[in-house]
Amino acid sequence: MVVVRATTFAGRAEAEQRTDRIYEFLELLGRPPAWHDDAACREHPRSWWFDKNPTRAIEVCARCLVLDECRAWGLSADAPTEGVLGGIVAKDRRRLRLRAAR
């Protein structure tokens, strides 16, 4: 049982490192929007926004000073297609985009 926990923590650490590398790569392609400097998510592990259970990310988003800006960006065509943006999971953002296109 201890081995399973060690493997689980190692898996999480690897996932966080991969997520950090993805963000570093994206930042090389272009600077994040200016409002992102004030985003509450910057103070938490990036992996939370790509976790299967997005509860922690959504709770952080709810207290964010730039929630409206992030939500608008998350619903735009320029936003990433995965993860939580503006407190909305990817599946719900796709649904909202489709509804707005009608």
Protein backbone atom coordinates (compact mmCIF):
# COMPACT_ATOMS: atom_id res chain seq x y z
CA MET A 1 0.00 0.00 0.00
CA VAL A 2 2.84 2.42 0.70
CA VAL A 3 4.22 1.75 -2.79
CA VAL A 4 0.88 2.70 -4.35
CA ARG A 5 0.89 6.04 -2.52
CA ALA A 6 4.47 6.73 -3.53
CA THR A 7 3.59 6.00 -7.14
CA THR A 8 0.52 8.24 -6.92
CA PHE A 9 2.53 11.18 -5.56
CA ALA A 10 5.25 10.60 -8.17
CA GLY A 11 2.57 10.56 -10.88
CA ARG A 12 1.17 13.86 -9.64
CA ALA A 13 4.62 15.45 -9.54
CA GLU A 14 5.31 14.31 -13.10
CA ALA A 15 1.94 15.65 -14.27
CA GLU A 16 2.65 19.03 -12.65
CA GLN A 17 6.09 19.16 -14.30
CA ARG A 18 4.56 18.37 -17.72
CA THR A 19 1.92 21.05 -17.19
CA ASP A 20 4.59 23.57 -16.20
CA ARG A 21 6.59 22.73 -19.34
CA ILE A 22 3.47 23.22 -21.47
CA TYR A 23 2.87 26.65 -19.90
CA GLU A 24 6.53 27.60 -20.43
CA PHE A 25 6.23 26.64 -24.09
CA LEU A 26 2.99 28.60 -24.51
CA GLU A 27 4.58 31.65 -22.90
CA LEU A 28 7.38 31.46 -25.48
CA LEU A 29 4.77 31.64 -28.24
CA GLY A 30 3.17 34.78 -26.87
CA ARG A 31 2.75 36.77 -23.71
CA PRO A 32 -0.34 35.93 -21.65
CA PRO A 33 -2.98 38.70 -21.48
CA ALA A 34 -2.03 41.59 -19.16
CA TRP A 35 -4.87 40.80 -16.74
CA HIS A 36 -3.27 37.40 -16.10
CA ASP A 37 -0.73 39.10 -13.81
CA ASP A 38 -3.60 39.60 -11.30
CA ALA A 39 -5.08 36.10 -11.67
CA ALA A 40 -5.53 34.05 -8.50
CA CYS A 41 -4.49 30.88 -10.34
CA ARG A 42 -0.89 32.10 -10.45
CA GLU A 43 -0.60 31.28 -6.73
CA HIS A 44 -1.59 27.62 -7.12
CA PRO A 45 -0.27 24.55 -8.97
CA ARG A 46 -1.14 24.80 -12.65
CA SER A 47 -2.13 21.15 -12.70
CA TRP A 48 -5.28 22.00 -10.71
CA TRP A 49 -6.76 23.58 -13.85
CA PHE A 50 -6.26 20.38 -15.82
CA ASP A 51 -7.24 17.90 -13.08
CA LYS A 52 -10.03 15.37 -13.60
CA ASN A 53 -11.73 16.86 -10.54
CA PRO A 54 -11.76 20.63 -11.16
CA THR A 55 -13.31 21.58 -7.80
CA ARG A 56 -10.18 23.27 -6.40
CA ALA A 57 -9.63 25.28 -9.56
CA ILE A 58 -13.25 26.40 -9.71
CA GLU A 59 -13.12 27.50 -6.06
CA VAL A 60 -10.00 29.59 -6.73
CA CYS A 61 -11.62 31.09 -9.84
CA ALA A 62 -14.67 32.13 -7.80
CA ARG A 63 -12.46 34.38 -5.65
CA CYS A 64 -10.39 35.78 -8.53
CA LEU A 65 -10.17 39.52 -9.22
CA VAL A 66 -10.05 38.98 -12.99
CA LEU A 67 -12.75 36.32 -13.27
CA ASP A 68 -14.78 38.24 -15.86
CA GLU A 69 -11.76 38.85 -18.11
CA CYS A 70 -10.67 35.21 -17.86
CA ARG A 71 -14.17 33.94 -18.55
CA ALA A 72 -14.49 36.15 -21.64
CA TRP A 73 -11.09 34.95 -22.88
CA GLY A 74 -12.04 31.33 -22.11
CA LEU A 75 -15.08 31.65 -24.34
CA SER A 76 -13.11 33.23 -27.20
CA ALA A 77 -11.69 31.33 -30.15
CA ASP A 78 -8.12 32.13 -29.00
CA ALA A 79 -8.41 30.27 -25.69
CA PRO A 80 -7.01 26.81 -24.97
CA THR A 81 -9.52 24.04 -25.53
CA GLU A 82 -8.75 22.16 -22.30
CA GLY A 83 -8.75 22.95 -18.61
CA VAL A 84 -10.71 25.34 -16.43
CA LEU A 85 -10.85 28.98 -17.56
CA GLY A 86 -12.89 31.61 -15.77
CA GLY A 87 -14.36 28.93 -13.53
CA ILE A 88 -15.79 27.00 -16.49
CA VAL A 89 -14.62 23.52 -17.49
CA ALA A 90 -13.72 22.81 -21.13
CA LYS A 91 -16.86 20.79 -21.86
CA ASP A 92 -19.13 23.60 -20.67
CA ARG A 93 -17.14 26.22 -22.61
CA ARG A 94 -17.59 24.20 -25.81
CA ARG A 95 -21.32 24.00 -25.13
CA LEU A 96 -21.54 27.76 -24.48
CA ARG A 97 -19.59 28.55 -27.67
CA LEU A 98 -21.93 26.37 -29.71
CA ARG A 99 -24.98 28.01 -28.15
CA ALA A 100 -23.58 31.49 -28.88
CA ALA A 101 -22.88 30.54 -32.51
CA ARG A 102 -26.56 29.74 -33.15
